[in-house]
mmCIF file of all heavy atoms, coordinates in Angstrom:
data_MODEL
# 
_entry.id   MODEL 
# 
loop_
_atom_site.group_PDB 
_atom_site.id 
_atom_site.type_symbol 
_atom_site.label_atom_id 
_atom_site.label_alt_id 
_atom_site.label_comp_id 
_atom_site.label_asym_id 
_atom_site.label_entity_id 
_atom_site.label_seq_id 
_atom_site.pdbx_PDB_ins_code 
_atom_site.Cartn_x 
_atom_site.Cartn_y 
_atom_site.Cartn_z 
_atom_site.occupancy 
_atom_site.B_iso_or_equiv 
_atom_site.pdbx_formal_charge 
_atom_site.auth_seq_id 
_atom_site.auth_comp_id 
_atom_site.auth_asym_id 
_atom_site.auth_atom_id 
_atom_site.pdbx_PDB_model_num 
ATOM 1   N N   . LYS A 1 1  ? 85.134  -6.503  -24.280 1.00 0.00 ? 1  LYS A N   1 
ATOM 2   C CA  . LYS A 1 1  ? 85.754  -7.804  -23.972 1.00 0.00 ? 1  LYS A CA  1 
ATOM 3   C C   . LYS A 1 1  ? 86.969  -8.026  -24.855 1.00 0.00 ? 1  LYS A C   1 
ATOM 4   O O   . LYS A 1 1  ? 87.290  -7.261  -25.742 1.00 0.00 ? 1  LYS A O   1 
ATOM 5   C CB  . LYS A 1 1  ? 84.742  -8.926  -24.149 1.00 0.00 ? 1  LYS A CB  1 
ATOM 6   C CG  . LYS A 1 1  ? 83.577  -8.841  -23.159 1.00 0.00 ? 1  LYS A CG  1 
ATOM 7   C CD  . LYS A 1 1  ? 82.638  -10.028 -23.331 1.00 0.00 ? 1  LYS A CD  1 
ATOM 8   C CE  . LYS A 1 1  ? 81.498  -9.976  -22.297 1.00 0.00 ? 1  LYS A CE  1 
ATOM 9   N NZ  . LYS A 1 1  ? 80.566  -11.120 -22.454 1.00 0.00 ? 1  LYS A NZ  1 
ATOM 10  N N   . ASN A 1 2  ? 87.611  -9.179  -24.604 1.00 0.00 ? 2  ASN A N   1 
ATOM 11  C CA  . ASN A 1 2  ? 88.789  -9.608  -25.376 1.00 0.00 ? 2  ASN A CA  1 
ATOM 12  C C   . ASN A 1 2  ? 89.922  -8.626  -25.277 1.00 0.00 ? 2  ASN A C   1 
ATOM 13  O O   . ASN A 1 2  ? 90.099  -7.941  -24.267 1.00 0.00 ? 2  ASN A O   1 
ATOM 14  C CB  . ASN A 1 2  ? 88.405  -9.893  -26.833 1.00 0.00 ? 2  ASN A CB  1 
ATOM 15  C CG  . ASN A 1 2  ? 87.297  -10.948 -26.933 1.00 0.00 ? 2  ASN A CG  1 
ATOM 16  O OD1 . ASN A 1 2  ? 87.310  -11.892 -26.133 1.00 0.00 ? 2  ASN A OD1 1 
ATOM 17  N ND2 . ASN A 1 2  ? 86.381  -10.808 -27.854 1.00 0.00 ? 2  ASN A ND2 1 
ATOM 18  N N   . LYS A 1 3  ? 90.705  -8.471  -26.349 1.00 0.00 ? 3  LYS A N   1 
ATOM 19  C CA  . LYS A 1 3  ? 91.906  -7.661  -26.340 1.00 0.00 ? 3  LYS A CA  1 
ATOM 20  C C   . LYS A 1 3  ? 91.600  -6.190  -26.154 1.00 0.00 ? 3  LYS A C   1 
ATOM 21  O O   . LYS A 1 3  ? 92.434  -5.443  -25.635 1.00 0.00 ? 3  LYS A O   1 
ATOM 22  C CB  . LYS A 1 3  ? 92.751  -7.880  -27.597 1.00 0.00 ? 3  LYS A CB  1 
ATOM 23  C CG  . LYS A 1 3  ? 93.429  -9.230  -27.654 1.00 0.00 ? 3  LYS A CG  1 
ATOM 24  C CD  . LYS A 1 3  ? 94.400  -9.283  -28.840 1.00 0.00 ? 3  LYS A CD  1 
ATOM 25  C CE  . LYS A 1 3  ? 95.153  -10.634 -28.822 1.00 0.00 ? 3  LYS A CE  1 
ATOM 26  N NZ  . LYS A 1 3  ? 96.094  -10.722 -29.952 1.00 0.00 ? 3  LYS A NZ  1 
ATOM 27  N N   . LEU A 1 4  ? 90.443  -5.731  -26.592 1.00 0.00 ? 4  LEU A N   1 
ATOM 28  C CA  . LEU A 1 4  ? 90.096  -4.329  -26.474 1.00 0.00 ? 4  LEU A CA  1 
ATOM 29  C C   . LEU A 1 4  ? 90.069  -3.882  -25.019 1.00 0.00 ? 4  LEU A C   1 
ATOM 30  O O   . LEU A 1 4  ? 90.415  -2.736  -24.682 1.00 0.00 ? 4  LEU A O   1 
ATOM 31  C CB  . LEU A 1 4  ? 88.721  -4.048  -27.120 1.00 0.00 ? 4  LEU A CB  1 
ATOM 32  C CG  . LEU A 1 4  ? 88.709  -3.999  -28.663 1.00 0.00 ? 4  LEU A CG  1 
ATOM 33  C CD1 . LEU A 1 4  ? 87.293  -3.835  -29.172 1.00 0.00 ? 4  LEU A CD1 1 
ATOM 34  C CD2 . LEU A 1 4  ? 89.592  -2.848  -29.171 1.00 0.00 ? 4  LEU A CD2 1 
ATOM 35  N N   . MET A 1 5  ? 89.677  -4.804  -24.131 1.00 0.00 ? 5  MET A N   1 
ATOM 36  C CA  . MET A 1 5  ? 89.654  -4.478  -22.695 1.00 0.00 ? 5  MET A CA  1 
ATOM 37  C C   . MET A 1 5  ? 91.084  -4.173  -22.201 1.00 0.00 ? 5  MET A C   1 
ATOM 38  O O   . MET A 1 5  ? 91.283  -3.213  -21.451 1.00 0.00 ? 5  MET A O   1 
ATOM 39  C CB  . MET A 1 5  ? 89.057  -5.647  -21.913 1.00 0.00 ? 5  MET A CB  1 
ATOM 40  C CG  . MET A 1 5  ? 88.997  -5.401  -20.407 1.00 0.00 ? 5  MET A CG  1 
ATOM 41  S SD  . MET A 1 5  ? 88.283  -6.777  -19.516 1.00 0.00 ? 5  MET A SD  1 
ATOM 42  C CE  . MET A 1 5  ? 89.575  -8.016  -19.665 1.00 0.00 ? 5  MET A CE  1 
ATOM 43  N N   . TYR A 1 6  ? 92.040  -4.975  -22.630 1.00 0.00 ? 6  TYR A N   1 
ATOM 44  C CA  . TYR A 1 6  ? 93.430  -4.776  -22.183 1.00 0.00 ? 6  TYR A CA  1 
ATOM 45  C C   . TYR A 1 6  ? 94.055  -3.546  -22.866 1.00 0.00 ? 6  TYR A C   1 
ATOM 46  O O   . TYR A 1 6  ? 94.860  -2.861  -22.240 1.00 0.00 ? 6  TYR A O   1 
ATOM 47  C CB  . TYR A 1 6  ? 94.254  -6.035  -22.475 1.00 0.00 ? 6  TYR A CB  1 
ATOM 48  C CG  . TYR A 1 6  ? 93.802  -7.209  -21.655 1.00 0.00 ? 6  TYR A CG  1 
ATOM 49  C CD1 . TYR A 1 6  ? 93.043  -8.244  -22.207 1.00 0.00 ? 6  TYR A CD1 1 
ATOM 50  C CD2 . TYR A 1 6  ? 94.096  -7.248  -20.283 1.00 0.00 ? 6  TYR A CD2 1 
ATOM 51  C CE1 . TYR A 1 6  ? 92.617  -9.302  -21.423 1.00 0.00 ? 6  TYR A CE1 1 
ATOM 52  C CE2 . TYR A 1 6  ? 93.644  -8.327  -19.500 1.00 0.00 ? 6  TYR A CE2 1 
ATOM 53  C CZ  . TYR A 1 6  ? 92.924  -9.336  -20.075 1.00 0.00 ? 6  TYR A CZ  1 
ATOM 54  O OH  . TYR A 1 6  ? 92.493  -10.376 -19.302 1.00 0.00 ? 6  TYR A OH  1 
ATOM 55  N N   . ILE A 1 7  ? 93.671  -3.291  -24.083 1.00 0.00 ? 7  ILE A N   1 
ATOM 56  C CA  . ILE A 1 7  ? 94.118  -2.054  -24.748 1.00 0.00 ? 7  ILE A CA  1 
ATOM 57  C C   . ILE A 1 7  ? 93.575  -0.836  -23.974 1.00 0.00 ? 7  ILE A C   1 
ATOM 58  O O   . ILE A 1 7  ? 94.265  0.160   -23.770 1.00 0.00 ? 7  ILE A O   1 
ATOM 59  C CB  . ILE A 1 7  ? 93.651  -2.012  -26.230 1.00 0.00 ? 7  ILE A CB  1 
ATOM 60  C CG1 . ILE A 1 7  ? 94.389  -3.100  -27.033 1.00 0.00 ? 7  ILE A CG1 1 
ATOM 61  C CG2 . ILE A 1 7  ? 93.914  -0.625  -26.848 1.00 0.00 ? 7  ILE A CG2 1 
ATOM 62  C CD1 . ILE A 1 7  ? 93.872  -3.284  -28.436 1.00 0.00 ? 7  ILE A CD1 1 
ATOM 63  N N   . GLY A 1 8  ? 92.291  -0.929  -23.539 1.00 0.00 ? 8  GLY A N   1 
ATOM 64  C CA  . GLY A 1 8  ? 91.680  0.108   -22.725 1.00 0.00 ? 8  GLY A CA  1 
ATOM 65  C C   . GLY A 1 8  ? 92.439  0.305   -21.411 1.00 0.00 ? 8  GLY A C   1 
ATOM 66  O O   . GLY A 1 8  ? 92.634  1.449   -20.958 1.00 0.00 ? 8  GLY A O   1 
ATOM 67  N N   . ARG A 1 9  ? 92.885  -0.802  -20.817 1.00 0.00 ? 9  ARG A N   1 
ATOM 68  C CA  . ARG A 1 9  ? 93.654  -0.709  -19.560 1.00 0.00 ? 9  ARG A CA  1 
ATOM 69  C C   . ARG A 1 9  ? 94.977  0.022   -19.788 1.00 0.00 ? 9  ARG A C   1 
ATOM 70  O O   . ARG A 1 9  ? 95.413  0.809   -18.935 1.00 0.00 ? 9  ARG A O   1 
ATOM 71  C CB  . ARG A 1 9  ? 93.926  -2.086  -18.978 1.00 0.00 ? 9  ARG A CB  1 
ATOM 72  C CG  . ARG A 1 9  ? 92.679  -2.744  -18.398 1.00 0.00 ? 9  ARG A CG  1 
ATOM 73  C CD  . ARG A 1 9  ? 92.909  -4.149  -17.932 1.00 0.00 ? 9  ARG A CD  1 
ATOM 74  N NE  . ARG A 1 9  ? 93.969  -4.236  -16.908 1.00 0.00 ? 9  ARG A NE  1 
ATOM 75  C CZ  . ARG A 1 9  ? 94.320  -5.361  -16.284 1.00 0.00 ? 9  ARG A CZ  1 
ATOM 76  N NH1 . ARG A 1 9  ? 93.670  -6.498  -16.581 1.00 0.00 ? 9  ARG A NH1 1 
ATOM 77  N NH2 . ARG A 1 9  ? 95.285  -5.358  -15.398 1.00 0.00 ? 9  ARG A NH2 1 
ATOM 78  N N   . VAL A 1 10 ? 95.616  -0.210  -20.938 1.00 0.00 ? 10 VAL A N   1 
ATOM 79  C CA  . VAL A 1 10 ? 96.867  0.438   -21.279 1.00 0.00 ? 10 VAL A CA  1 
ATOM 80  C C   . VAL A 1 10 ? 96.638  1.947   -21.415 1.00 0.00 ? 10 VAL A C   1 
ATOM 81  O O   . VAL A 1 10 ? 97.402  2.766   -20.880 1.00 0.00 ? 10 VAL A O   1 
ATOM 82  C CB  . VAL A 1 10 ? 97.482  -0.137  -22.569 1.00 0.00 ? 10 VAL A CB  1 
ATOM 83  C CG1 . VAL A 1 10 ? 98.671  0.705   -23.015 1.00 0.00 ? 10 VAL A CG1 1 
ATOM 84  C CG2 . VAL A 1 10 ? 97.903  -1.575  -22.358 1.00 0.00 ? 10 VAL A CG2 1 
ATOM 85  N N   . ILE A 1 11 ? 95.582  2.313   -22.138 1.00 0.00 ? 11 ILE A N   1 
ATOM 86  C CA  . ILE A 1 11 ? 95.250  3.736   -22.364 1.00 0.00 ? 11 ILE A CA  1 
ATOM 87  C C   . ILE A 1 11 ? 94.898  4.389   -21.029 1.00 0.00 ? 11 ILE A C   1 
ATOM 88  O O   . ILE A 1 11 ? 95.293  5.535   -20.745 1.00 0.00 ? 11 ILE A O   1 
ATOM 89  C CB  . ILE A 1 11 ? 94.133  3.897   -23.371 1.00 0.00 ? 11 ILE A CB  1 
ATOM 90  C CG1 . ILE A 1 11 ? 94.601  3.344   -24.751 1.00 0.00 ? 11 ILE A CG1 1 
ATOM 91  C CG2 . ILE A 1 11 ? 93.715  5.352   -23.521 1.00 0.00 ? 11 ILE A CG2 1 
ATOM 92  C CD1 . ILE A 1 11 ? 93.506  3.298   -25.795 1.00 0.00 ? 11 ILE A CD1 1 
ATOM 93  N N   . MET A 1 12 ? 94.116  3.692   -20.201 1.00 0.00 ? 12 MET A N   1 
ATOM 94  C CA  . MET A 1 12 ? 93.755  4.199   -18.900 1.00 0.00 ? 12 MET A CA  1 
ATOM 95  C C   . MET A 1 12 ? 95.005  4.408   -18.041 1.00 0.00 ? 12 MET A C   1 
ATOM 96  O O   . MET A 1 12 ? 95.129  5.431   -17.349 1.00 0.00 ? 12 MET A O   1 
ATOM 97  C CB  . MET A 1 12 ? 92.825  3.223   -18.189 1.00 0.00 ? 12 MET A CB  1 
ATOM 98  C CG  . MET A 1 12 ? 92.566  3.505   -16.698 1.00 0.00 ? 12 MET A CG  1 
ATOM 99  S SD  . MET A 1 12 ? 91.616  5.028   -16.420 1.00 0.00 ? 12 MET A SD  1 
ATOM 100 C CE  . MET A 1 12 ? 89.942  4.433   -16.640 1.00 0.00 ? 12 MET A CE  1 
ATOM 101 N N   . ALA A 1 13 ? 95.937  3.473   -18.109 1.00 0.00 ? 13 ALA A N   1 
ATOM 102 C CA  . ALA A 1 13 ? 97.193  3.574   -17.354 1.00 0.00 ? 13 ALA A CA  1 
ATOM 103 C C   . ALA A 1 13 ? 97.987  4.811   -17.765 1.00 0.00 ? 13 ALA A C   1 
ATOM 104 O O   . ALA A 1 13 ? 98.508  5.538   -16.915 1.00 0.00 ? 13 ALA A O   1 
ATOM 105 C CB  . ALA A 1 13 ? 98.034  2.308   -17.545 1.00 0.00 ? 13 ALA A CB  1 
ATOM 106 N N   . LEU A 1 14 ? 98.026  5.068   -19.058 1.00 0.00 ? 14 LEU A N   1 
ATOM 107 C CA  . LEU A 1 14 ? 98.715  6.280   -19.538 1.00 0.00 ? 14 LEU A CA  1 
ATOM 108 C C   . LEU A 1 14 ? 98.076  7.538   -18.975 1.00 0.00 ? 14 LEU A C   1 
ATOM 109 O O   . LEU A 1 14 ? 98.771  8.451   -18.527 1.00 0.00 ? 14 LEU A O   1 
ATOM 110 C CB  . LEU A 1 14 ? 98.671  6.318   -21.070 1.00 0.00 ? 14 LEU A CB  1 
ATOM 111 C CG  . LEU A 1 14 ? 99.735  5.540   -21.829 1.00 0.00 ? 14 LEU A CG  1 
ATOM 112 C CD1 . LEU A 1 14 ? 99.428  5.531   -23.328 1.00 0.00 ? 14 LEU A CD1 1 
ATOM 113 C CD2 . LEU A 1 14 ? 101.111 6.145   -21.589 1.00 0.00 ? 14 LEU A CD2 1 
ATOM 114 N N   . GLY A 1 15 ? 96.740  7.553   -18.957 1.00 0.00 ? 15 GLY A N   1 
ATOM 115 C CA  . GLY A 1 15 ? 96.028  8.720   -18.403 1.00 0.00 ? 15 GLY A CA  1 
ATOM 116 C C   . GLY A 1 15 ? 96.351  8.897   -16.928 1.00 0.00 ? 15 GLY A C   1 
ATOM 117 O O   . GLY A 1 15 ? 96.580  10.023  -16.462 1.00 0.00 ? 15 GLY A O   1 
ATOM 118 N N   . LEU A 1 16 ? 96.369  7.792   -16.163 1.00 0.00 ? 16 LEU A N   1 
ATOM 119 C CA  . LEU A 1 16 ? 96.670  7.868   -14.729 1.00 0.00 ? 16 LEU A CA  1 
ATOM 120 C C   . LEU A 1 16 ? 98.107  8.367   -14.508 1.00 0.00 ? 16 LEU A C   1 
ATOM 121 O O   . LEU A 1 16 ? 98.356  9.142   -13.586 1.00 0.00 ? 16 LEU A O   1 
ATOM 122 C CB  . LEU A 1 16 ? 96.490  6.513   -14.093 1.00 0.00 ? 16 LEU A CB  1 
ATOM 123 C CG  . LEU A 1 16 ? 95.032  6.005   -13.971 1.00 0.00 ? 16 LEU A CG  1 
ATOM 124 C CD1 . LEU A 1 16 ? 94.996  4.565   -13.411 1.00 0.00 ? 16 LEU A CD1 1 
ATOM 125 C CD2 . LEU A 1 16 ? 94.206  6.925   -13.072 1.00 0.00 ? 16 LEU A CD2 1 
ATOM 126 N N   . ILE A 1 17 ? 99.030  7.888   -15.328 1.00 0.00 ? 17 ILE A N   1 
ATOM 127 C CA  . ILE A 1 17 ? 100.426 8.316   -15.210 1.00 0.00 ? 17 ILE A CA  1 
ATOM 128 C C   . ILE A 1 17 ? 100.561 9.805   -15.424 1.00 0.00 ? 17 ILE A C   1 
ATOM 129 O O   . ILE A 1 17 ? 101.214 10.520  -14.639 1.00 0.00 ? 17 ILE A O   1 
ATOM 130 C CB  . ILE A 1 17 ? 101.328 7.542   -16.217 1.00 0.00 ? 17 ILE A CB  1 
ATOM 131 C CG1 . ILE A 1 17 ? 101.471 6.078   -15.744 1.00 0.00 ? 17 ILE A CG1 1 
ATOM 132 C CG2 . ILE A 1 17 ? 102.704 8.179   -16.327 1.00 0.00 ? 17 ILE A CG2 1 
ATOM 133 C CD1 . ILE A 1 17 ? 102.101 5.170   -16.818 1.00 0.00 ? 17 ILE A CD1 1 
ATOM 134 N N   . PHE A 1 18 ? 99.922  10.323  -16.470 1.00 0.00 ? 18 PHE A N   1 
ATOM 135 C CA  . PHE A 1 18 ? 100.035 11.753  -16.773 1.00 0.00 ? 18 PHE A CA  1 
ATOM 136 C C   . PHE A 1 18 ? 99.319  12.619  -15.706 1.00 0.00 ? 18 PHE A C   1 
ATOM 137 O O   . PHE A 1 18 ? 99.806  13.665  -15.316 1.00 0.00 ? 18 PHE A O   1 
ATOM 138 C CB  . PHE A 1 18 ? 99.461  12.059  -18.176 1.00 0.00 ? 18 PHE A CB  1 
ATOM 139 C CG  . PHE A 1 18 ? 100.241 11.410  -19.276 1.00 0.00 ? 18 PHE A CG  1 
ATOM 140 C CD1 . PHE A 1 18 ? 99.605  10.759  -20.325 1.00 0.00 ? 18 PHE A CD1 1 
ATOM 141 C CD2 . PHE A 1 18 ? 101.632 11.444  -19.286 1.00 0.00 ? 18 PHE A CD2 1 
ATOM 142 C CE1 . PHE A 1 18 ? 100.328 10.169  -21.348 1.00 0.00 ? 18 PHE A CE1 1 
ATOM 143 C CE2 . PHE A 1 18 ? 102.338 10.845  -20.299 1.00 0.00 ? 18 PHE A CE2 1 
ATOM 144 C CZ  . PHE A 1 18 ? 101.696 10.203  -21.350 1.00 0.00 ? 18 PHE A CZ  1 
ATOM 145 N N   . LEU A 1 19 ? 98.156  12.133  -15.232 1.00 0.00 ? 19 LEU A N   1 
ATOM 146 C CA  . LEU A 1 19 ? 97.472  12.839  -14.160 1.00 0.00 ? 19 LEU A CA  1 
ATOM 147 C C   . LEU A 1 19 ? 98.313  12.894  -12.896 1.00 0.00 ? 19 LEU A C   1 
ATOM 148 O O   . LEU A 1 19 ? 98.403  13.917  -12.206 1.00 0.00 ? 19 LEU A O   1 
ATOM 149 C CB  . LEU A 1 19 ? 96.119  12.161  -13.858 1.00 0.00 ? 19 LEU A CB  1 
ATOM 150 C CG  . LEU A 1 19 ? 94.949  12.444  -14.791 1.00 0.00 ? 19 LEU A CG  1 
ATOM 151 C CD1 . LEU A 1 19 ? 93.757  11.572  -14.437 1.00 0.00 ? 19 LEU A CD1 1 
ATOM 152 C CD2 . LEU A 1 19 ? 94.545  13.923  -14.721 1.00 0.00 ? 19 LEU A CD2 1 
ATOM 153 N N   . ALA A 1 20 ? 98.936  11.736  -12.543 1.00 0.00 ? 20 ALA A N   1 
ATOM 154 C CA  . ALA A 1 20 ? 99.770  11.656  -11.355 1.00 0.00 ? 20 ALA A CA  1 
ATOM 155 C C   . ALA A 1 20 ? 100.965 12.582  -11.456 1.00 0.00 ? 20 ALA A C   1 
ATOM 156 O O   . ALA A 1 20 ? 101.369 13.226  -10.477 1.00 0.00 ? 20 ALA A O   1 
ATOM 157 C CB  . ALA A 1 20 ? 100.216 10.211  -11.118 1.00 0.00 ? 20 ALA A CB  1 
ATOM 158 N N   . MET A 1 21 ? 101.569 12.672  -12.661 1.00 0.00 ? 21 MET A N   1 
ATOM 159 C CA  . MET A 1 21 ? 102.712 13.543  -12.870 1.00 0.00 ? 21 MET A CA  1 
ATOM 160 C C   . MET A 1 21 ? 102.331 15.008  -12.613 1.00 0.00 ? 21 MET A C   1 
ATOM 161 O O   . MET A 1 21 ? 103.037 15.763  -11.972 1.00 0.00 ? 21 MET A O   1 
ATOM 162 C CB  . MET A 1 21 ? 103.277 13.384  -14.257 1.00 0.00 ? 21 MET A CB  1 
ATOM 163 C CG  . MET A 1 21 ? 103.950 12.062  -14.559 1.00 0.00 ? 21 MET A CG  1 
ATOM 164 S SD  . MET A 1 21 ? 105.463 11.819  -13.608 1.00 0.00 ? 21 MET A SD  1 
ATOM 165 C CE  . MET A 1 21 ? 106.520 13.060  -14.312 1.00 0.00 ? 21 MET A CE  1 
ATOM 166 N N   . ASP A 1 22 ? 101.185 15.400  -13.132 1.00 0.00 ? 22 ASP A N   1 
ATOM 167 C CA  . ASP A 1 22 ? 100.679 16.782  -12.927 1.00 0.00 ? 22 ASP A CA  1 
ATOM 168 C C   . ASP A 1 22 ? 100.408 17.015  -11.431 1.00 0.00 ? 22 ASP A C   1 
ATOM 169 O O   . ASP A 1 22 ? 100.732 18.100  -10.890 1.00 0.00 ? 22 ASP A O   1 
ATOM 170 C CB  . ASP A 1 22 ? 99.407  17.012  -13.717 1.00 0.00 ? 22 ASP A CB  1 
ATOM 171 C CG  . ASP A 1 22 ? 99.686  17.426  -15.177 1.00 0.00 ? 22 ASP A CG  1 
ATOM 172 O OD1 . ASP A 1 22 ? 100.877 17.511  -15.517 1.00 0.00 ? 22 ASP A OD1 1 
ATOM 173 O OD2 . ASP A 1 22 ? 98.716  17.632  -15.925 1.00 0.00 ? 22 ASP A OD2 1 
ATOM 174 N N   . ALA A 1 23 ? 99.805  16.041  -10.775 1.00 0.00 ? 23 ALA A N   1 
ATOM 175 C CA  . ALA A 1 23 ? 99.478  16.175  -9.357  1.00 0.00 ? 23 ALA A CA  1 
ATOM 176 C C   . ALA A 1 23 ? 100.758 16.261  -8.502  1.00 0.00 ? 23 ALA A C   1 
ATOM 177 O O   . ALA A 1 23 ? 100.819 17.057  -7.549  1.00 0.00 ? 23 ALA A O   1 
ATOM 178 C CB  . ALA A 1 23 ? 98.629  14.985  -8.900  1.00 0.00 ? 23 ALA A CB  1 
ATOM 179 N N   . MET A 1 24 ? 101.775 15.502  -8.847  1.00 0.00 ? 24 MET A N   1 
ATOM 180 C CA  . MET A 1 24 ? 103.051 15.566  -8.121  1.00 0.00 ? 24 MET A CA  1 
ATOM 181 C C   . MET A 1 24 ? 103.681 16.933  -8.292  1.00 0.00 ? 24 MET A C   1 
ATOM 182 O O   . MET A 1 24 ? 104.235 17.509  -7.366  1.00 0.00 ? 24 MET A O   1 
ATOM 183 C CB  . MET A 1 24 ? 103.999 14.460  -8.595  1.00 0.00 ? 24 MET A CB  1 
ATOM 184 C CG  . MET A 1 24 ? 103.689 13.076  -8.015  1.00 0.00 ? 24 MET A CG  1 
ATOM 185 S SD  . MET A 1 24 ? 105.036 11.894  -8.300  1.00 0.00 ? 24 MET A SD  1 
ATOM 186 C CE  . MET A 1 24 ? 104.850 11.541  -10.045 1.00 0.00 ? 24 MET A CE  1 
ATOM 187 N N   . ALA A 1 25 ? 103.604 17.454  -9.528  1.00 0.00 ? 25 ALA A N   1 
ATOM 188 C CA  . ALA A 1 25 ? 104.200 18.765  -9.806  1.00 0.00 ? 25 ALA A CA  1 
ATOM 189 C C   . ALA A 1 25 ? 103.512 19.851  -8.974  1.00 0.00 ? 25 ALA A C   1 
ATOM 190 O O   . ALA A 1 25 ? 104.158 20.752  -8.427  1.00 0.00 ? 25 ALA A O   1 
ATOM 191 C CB  . ALA A 1 25 ? 104.098 19.090  -11.306 1.00 0.00 ? 25 ALA A CB  1 
ATOM 192 N N   . ILE A 1 26 ? 102.181 19.753  -8.901  1.00 0.00 ? 26 ILE A N   1 
ATOM 193 C CA  . ILE A 1 26 ? 101.398 20.758  -8.093  1.00 0.00 ? 26 ILE A CA  1 
ATOM 194 C C   . ILE A 1 26 ? 101.771 20.641  -6.607  1.00 0.00 ? 26 ILE A C   1 
ATOM 195 O O   . ILE A 1 26 ? 101.949 21.645  -5.923  1.00 0.00 ? 26 ILE A O   1 
ATOM 196 C CB  . ILE A 1 26 ? 99.899  20.536  -8.316  1.00 0.00 ? 26 ILE A CB  1 
ATOM 197 C CG1 . ILE A 1 26 ? 99.514  20.908  -9.776  1.00 0.00 ? 26 ILE A CG1 1 
ATOM 198 C CG2 . ILE A 1 26 ? 99.094  21.379  -7.324  1.00 0.00 ? 26 ILE A CG2 1 
ATOM 199 C CD1 . ILE A 1 26 ? 98.119  20.502  -10.151 1.00 0.00 ? 26 ILE A CD1 1 
ATOM 200 N N   . ALA A 1 27 ? 101.905 19.412  -6.128  1.00 0.00 ? 27 ALA A N   1 
ATOM 201 C CA  . ALA A 1 27 ? 102.230 19.171  -4.723  1.00 0.00 ? 27 ALA A CA  1 
ATOM 202 C C   . ALA A 1 27 ? 103.616 19.722  -4.357  1.00 0.00 ? 27 ALA A C   1 
ATOM 203 O O   . ALA A 1 27 ? 103.860 20.084  -3.215  1.00 0.00 ? 27 ALA A O   1 
ATOM 204 C CB  . ALA A 1 27 ? 102.133 17.703  -4.387  1.00 0.00 ? 27 ALA A CB  1 
ATOM 205 N N   . LEU A 1 28 ? 104.509 19.734  -5.340  1.00 0.00 ? 28 LEU A N   1 
ATOM 206 C CA  . LEU A 1 28 ? 105.901 20.156  -5.064  1.00 0.00 ? 28 LEU A CA  1 
ATOM 207 C C   . LEU A 1 28 ? 106.069 21.677  -5.114  1.00 0.00 ? 28 LEU A C   1 
ATOM 208 O O   . LEU A 1 28 ? 107.093 22.189  -4.675  1.00 0.00 ? 28 LEU A O   1 
ATOM 209 C CB  . LEU A 1 28 ? 106.841 19.522  -6.092  1.00 0.00 ? 28 LEU A CB  1 
ATOM 210 C CG  . LEU A 1 28 ? 107.161 18.034  -5.926  1.00 0.00 ? 28 LEU A CG  1 
ATOM 211 C CD1 . LEU A 1 28 ? 107.936 17.510  -7.094  1.00 0.00 ? 28 LEU A CD1 1 
ATOM 212 C CD2 . LEU A 1 28 ? 107.920 17.794  -4.614  1.00 0.00 ? 28 LEU A CD2 1 
ATOM 213 N N   . ILE A 1 29 ? 105.089 22.414  -5.652  1.00 0.00 ? 29 ILE A N   1 
ATOM 214 C CA  . ILE A 1 29 ? 105.231 23.882  -5.788  1.00 0.00 ? 29 ILE A CA  1 
ATOM 215 C C   . ILE A 1 29 ? 105.583 24.567  -4.483  1.00 0.00 ? 29 ILE A C   1 
ATOM 216 O O   . ILE A 1 29 ? 106.579 25.307  -4.400  1.00 0.00 ? 29 ILE A O   1 
ATOM 217 C CB  . ILE A 1 29 ? 103.967 24.493  -6.428  1.00 0.00 ? 29 ILE A CB  1 
ATOM 218 C CG1 . ILE A 1 29 ? 103.862 24.085  -7.905  1.00 0.00 ? 29 ILE A CG1 1 
ATOM 219 C CG2 . ILE A 1 29 ? 103.994 26.022  -6.308  1.00 0.00 ? 29 ILE A CG2 1 
ATOM 220 C CD1 . ILE A 1 29 ? 102.587 24.497  -8.584  1.00 0.00 ? 29 ILE A CD1 1 
# 
Protein backbone atom coordinates (compact mmCIF):
# COMPACT_ATOMS: atom_id res chain seq x y z
CA LYS A 1 0.00 0.00 0.00
CA ASN A 2 0.82 3.71 0.00
CA LYS A 3 3.76 5.00 -2.06
CA LEU A 4 5.37 1.57 -2.40
CA MET A 5 2.48 0.52 -4.61
CA TYR A 6 3.17 3.39 -7.04
CA ILE A 7 6.92 2.74 -6.93
CA GLY A 8 6.05 -0.87 -7.85
CA ARG A 9 3.98 0.41 -10.78
CA VAL A 10 6.95 2.44 -12.01
CA ILE A 11 9.26 -0.59 -11.82
CA MET A 12 6.63 -2.78 -13.48
CA ALA A 13 6.28 -0.17 -16.25
CA LEU A 14 10.03 -0.26 -16.87
CA GLY A 15 9.88 -4.04 -17.16
CA LEU A 16 6.99 -3.85 -19.65
CA ILE A 17 8.84 -1.24 -21.72
CA PHE A 18 11.98 -3.37 -21.97
CA LEU A 19 9.98 -6.53 -22.73
CA ALA A 20 8.03 -4.71 -25.44
CA MET A 21 11.25 -3.37 -26.99
CA ASP A 22 12.65 -6.91 -27.21
CA ALA A 23 9.37 -8.21 -28.65
CA MET A 24 9.30 -5.45 -31.29
CA ALA A 25 12.89 -6.25 -32.26
CA ILE A 26 12.02 -9.95 -32.68
CA ALA A 27 8.92 -9.11 -34.74
CA LEU A 28 11.00 -6.93 -37.08
CA ILE A 29 13.64 -9.60 -37.87
